[in-house]
Amino acid sequence: MDEQMEEQIEVQIDFKTETLKNLEQLNKKVSELIKVQHKAGTGFDYVNAAELALLLGESVKTIYGRVYNKQIPFYKPGGKILLFKLDEVMDWIKAGRHSSLEEIKSNV
């Protein structure tokens, strides 16, 4: 094999290795999200910051920022564990709803 062909094969191997690594990370995140959704569907009322971040598609740092700024309802039993009640979080999300242009026009 010539040198150019070896380089092309090496690039393809690197690409496939990187793609496999990305798929493994994605699979892990999807599995975690499924666990959170399953927890929500089984009547388990509370999630932690990491689970809430997955559910909302935000970073854990953003969740902690919202807690620090008292923007989101939370519980801190014993002063250590940070928990969020799912139905309160859903109410918080709904409270931030904005009317559509169609709704605004129909109210005029």
C-alpha atoms as a PDB file:
ATOM      1  CA  MET A   1       0.000   0.000   0.000  1.00  0.00           C
ATOM      2  CA  ASP A   2       1.138   3.467  -0.693  1.00  0.00           C
ATOM      3  CA  GLU A   3       1.439   6.163   1.959  1.00  0.00           C
ATOM      4  CA  GLN A   4      -1.631   8.118   0.810  1.00  0.00           C
ATOM      5  CA  MET A   5      -3.871   5.072   1.073  1.00  0.00           C
ATOM      6  CA  GLU A   6      -2.544   4.307   4.574  1.00  0.00           C
ATOM      7  CA  GLU A   7      -3.353   7.876   5.637  1.00  0.00           C
ATOM      8  CA  GLN A   8      -6.897   7.569   4.265  1.00  0.00           C
ATOM      9  CA  ILE A   9      -7.423   4.321   6.152  1.00  0.00           C
ATOM     10  CA  GLU A  10      -6.080   5.907   9.332  1.00  0.00           C
ATOM     11  CA  VAL A  11      -8.452   8.874   8.933  1.00  0.00           C
ATOM     12  CA  GLN A  12     -11.396   6.503   8.433  1.00  0.00           C
ATOM     13  CA  ILE A  13     -10.438   4.508  11.528  1.00  0.00           C
ATOM     14  CA  ASP A  14     -10.135   7.705  13.590  1.00  0.00           C
ATOM     15  CA  PHE A  15     -13.518   8.892  12.317  1.00  0.00           C
ATOM     16  CA  LYS A  16     -15.186   5.575  13.138  1.00  0.00           C
ATOM     17  CA  THR A  17     -13.581   5.510  16.591  1.00  0.00           C
ATOM     18  CA  GLU A  18     -14.790   9.037  17.323  1.00  0.00           C
ATOM     19  CA  THR A  19     -18.264   8.221  16.003  1.00  0.00           C
ATOM     20  CA  LEU A  20     -18.443   5.137  18.215  1.00  0.00           C
ATOM     21  CA  LYS A  21     -17.377   7.190  21.236  1.00  0.00           C
ATOM     22  CA  ASN A  22     -20.074   9.784  20.478  1.00  0.00           C
ATOM     23  CA  LEU A  23     -22.710   7.072  20.083  1.00  0.00           C
ATOM     24  CA  GLU A  24     -21.733   5.555  23.430  1.00  0.00           C
ATOM     25  CA  GLN A  25     -22.071   8.963  25.114  1.00  0.00           C
ATOM     26  CA  LEU A  26     -25.431   9.542  23.439  1.00  0.00           C
ATOM     27  CA  ASN A  27     -26.619   6.096  24.477  1.00  0.00           C
ATOM     28  CA  LYS A  28     -25.658   6.847  28.083  1.00  0.00           C
ATOM     29  CA  LYS A  29     -27.560  10.158  28.049  1.00  0.00           C
ATOM     30  CA  VAL A  30     -30.646   8.575  26.484  1.00  0.00           C
ATOM     31  CA  SER A  31     -30.569   5.810  29.101  1.00  0.00           C
ATOM     32  CA  GLU A  32     -30.361   8.388  31.887  1.00  0.00           C
ATOM     33  CA  LEU A  33     -33.239  10.370  30.389  1.00  0.00           C
ATOM     34  CA  ILE A  34     -35.364   7.229  30.095  1.00  0.00           C
ATOM     35  CA  LYS A  35     -34.717   6.508  33.774  1.00  0.00           C
ATOM     36  CA  VAL A  36     -35.824  10.038  34.706  1.00  0.00           C
ATOM     37  CA  GLN A  37     -38.958   9.783  32.568  1.00  0.00           C
ATOM     38  CA  HIS A  38     -39.722   6.366  34.025  1.00  0.00           C
ATOM     39  CA  LYS A  39     -39.323   7.801  37.511  1.00  0.00           C
ATOM     40  CA  ALA A  40     -41.746  10.600  36.602  1.00  0.00           C
ATOM     41  CA  GLY A  41     -44.264   8.130  35.187  1.00  0.00           C
ATOM     42  CA  THR A  42     -44.224   5.844  38.227  1.00  0.00           C
ATOM     43  CA  GLY A  43     -45.449   8.425  40.689  1.00  0.00           C
ATOM     44  CA  PHE A  44     -41.994   9.206  42.045  1.00  0.00           C
ATOM     45  CA  ASP A  45     -42.460  12.863  42.789  1.00  0.00           C
ATOM     46  CA  TYR A  46     -38.905  14.129  43.204  1.00  0.00           C
ATOM     47  CA  VAL A  47     -35.771  14.338  41.058  1.00  0.00           C
ATOM     48  CA  ASN A  48     -32.285  15.626  41.807  1.00  0.00           C
ATOM     49  CA  ALA A  49     -30.487  18.466  39.998  1.00  0.00           C
ATOM     50  CA  ALA A  50     -28.751  16.206  37.462  1.00  0.00           C
ATOM     51  CA  GLU A  51     -32.010  14.461  36.570  1.00  0.00           C
ATOM     52  CA  LEU A  52     -33.852  17.776  36.272  1.00  0.00           C
ATOM     53  CA  ALA A  53     -31.087  19.130  34.033  1.00  0.00           C
ATOM     54  CA  LEU A  54     -31.527  16.136  31.722  1.00  0.00           C
ATOM     55  CA  LEU A  55     -35.278  16.547  31.715  1.00  0.00           C
ATOM     56  CA  LEU A  56     -35.123  20.277  30.915  1.00  0.00           C
ATOM     57  CA  GLY A  57     -32.157  20.050  28.544  1.00  0.00           C
ATOM     58  CA  GLU A  58     -30.101  22.432  30.671  1.00  0.00           C
ATOM     59  CA  SER A  59     -26.783  22.081  32.429  1.00  0.00           C
ATOM     60  CA  VAL A  60     -26.594  21.221  36.123  1.00  0.00           C
ATOM     61  CA  LYS A  61     -24.820  24.553  36.605  1.00  0.00           C
ATOM     62  CA  THR A  62     -27.876  26.353  35.161  1.00  0.00           C
ATOM     63  CA  ILE A  63     -30.158  24.455  37.549  1.00  0.00           C
ATOM     64  CA  TYR A  64     -27.983  25.460  40.516  1.00  0.00           C
ATOM     65  CA  GLY A  65     -28.051  29.058  39.258  1.00  0.00           C
ATOM     66  CA  ARG A  66     -31.849  28.983  39.152  1.00  0.00           C
ATOM     67  CA  VAL A  67     -31.877  27.639  42.725  1.00  0.00           C
ATOM     68  CA  TYR A  68     -29.421  30.294  43.913  1.00  0.00           C
ATOM     69  CA  ASN A  69     -31.565  33.033  42.335  1.00  0.00           C
ATOM     70  CA  LYS A  70     -34.750  31.425  43.733  1.00  0.00           C
ATOM     71  CA  GLN A  71     -36.188  31.115  40.210  1.00  0.00           C
ATOM     72  CA  ILE A  72     -37.306  27.504  40.505  1.00  0.00           C
ATOM     73  CA  PRO A  73     -39.131  25.690  43.337  1.00  0.00           C
ATOM     74  CA  PHE A  74     -36.891  23.290  45.254  1.00  0.00           C
ATOM     75  CA  TYR A  75     -36.490  21.365  48.493  1.00  0.00           C
ATOM     76  CA  LYS A  76     -33.371  20.915  50.567  1.00  0.00           C
ATOM     77  CA  PRO A  77     -34.189  18.380  53.293  1.00  0.00           C
ATOM     78  CA  GLY A  78     -31.578  18.344  56.019  1.00  0.00           C
ATOM     79  CA  GLY A  79     -29.865  21.242  54.272  1.00  0.00           C
ATOM     80  CA  LYS A  80     -27.864  18.953  52.003  1.00  0.00           C
ATOM     81  CA  ILE A  81     -29.784  17.151  49.279  1.00  0.00           C
ATOM     82  CA  LEU A  82     -31.322  19.347  46.594  1.00  0.00           C
ATOM     83  CA  LEU A  83     -34.619  17.951  45.274  1.00  0.00           C
ATOM     84  CA  PHE A  84     -37.284  19.168  42.878  1.00  0.00           C
ATOM     85  CA  LYS A  85     -40.930  18.086  42.906  1.00  0.00           C
ATOM     86  CA  LEU A  86     -41.857  17.276  39.318  1.00  0.00           C
ATOM     87  CA  ASP A  87     -45.392  18.683  39.314  1.00  0.00           C
ATOM     88  CA  GLU A  88     -44.154  21.949  40.867  1.00  0.00           C
ATOM     89  CA  VAL A  89     -41.481  22.211  38.178  1.00  0.00           C
ATOM     90  CA  MET A  90     -44.135  21.602  35.505  1.00  0.00           C
ATOM     91  CA  ASP A  91     -46.302  24.349  37.051  1.00  0.00           C
ATOM     92  CA  TRP A  92     -43.245  26.644  37.058  1.00  0.00           C
ATOM     93  CA  ILE A  93     -42.712  25.924  33.357  1.00  0.00           C
ATOM     94  CA  LYS A  94     -46.385  26.589  32.557  1.00  0.00           C
ATOM     95  CA  ALA A  95     -46.271  29.881  34.472  1.00  0.00           C
ATOM     96  CA  GLY A  96     -43.667  31.120  32.003  1.00  0.00           C
ATOM     97  CA  ARG A  97     -45.974  30.541  29.030  1.00  0.00           C
ATOM     98  CA  HIS A  98     -46.292  33.340  26.497  1.00  0.00           C
ATOM     99  CA  SER A  99     -49.410  33.866  24.411  1.00  0.00           C
ATOM    100  CA  SER A 100     -49.237  33.184  20.707  1.00  0.00           C
ATOM    101  CA  LEU A 101     -49.856  35.977  18.216  1.00  0.00           C
ATOM    102  CA  GLU A 102     -53.183  34.346  17.347  1.00  0.00           C
ATOM    103  CA  GLU A 103     -54.282  34.383  21.006  1.00  0.00           C
ATOM    104  CA  ILE A 104     -53.280  38.020  21.383  1.00  0.00           C
ATOM    105  CA  LYS A 105     -55.244  39.001  18.258  1.00  0.00           C
ATOM    106  CA  SER A 106     -58.350  37.136  19.429  1.00  0.00           C
ATOM    107  CA  ASN A 107     -58.267  38.963  22.784  1.00  0.00           C
ATOM    108  CA  VAL A 108     -58.239  42.417  21.156  1.00  0.00           C
END
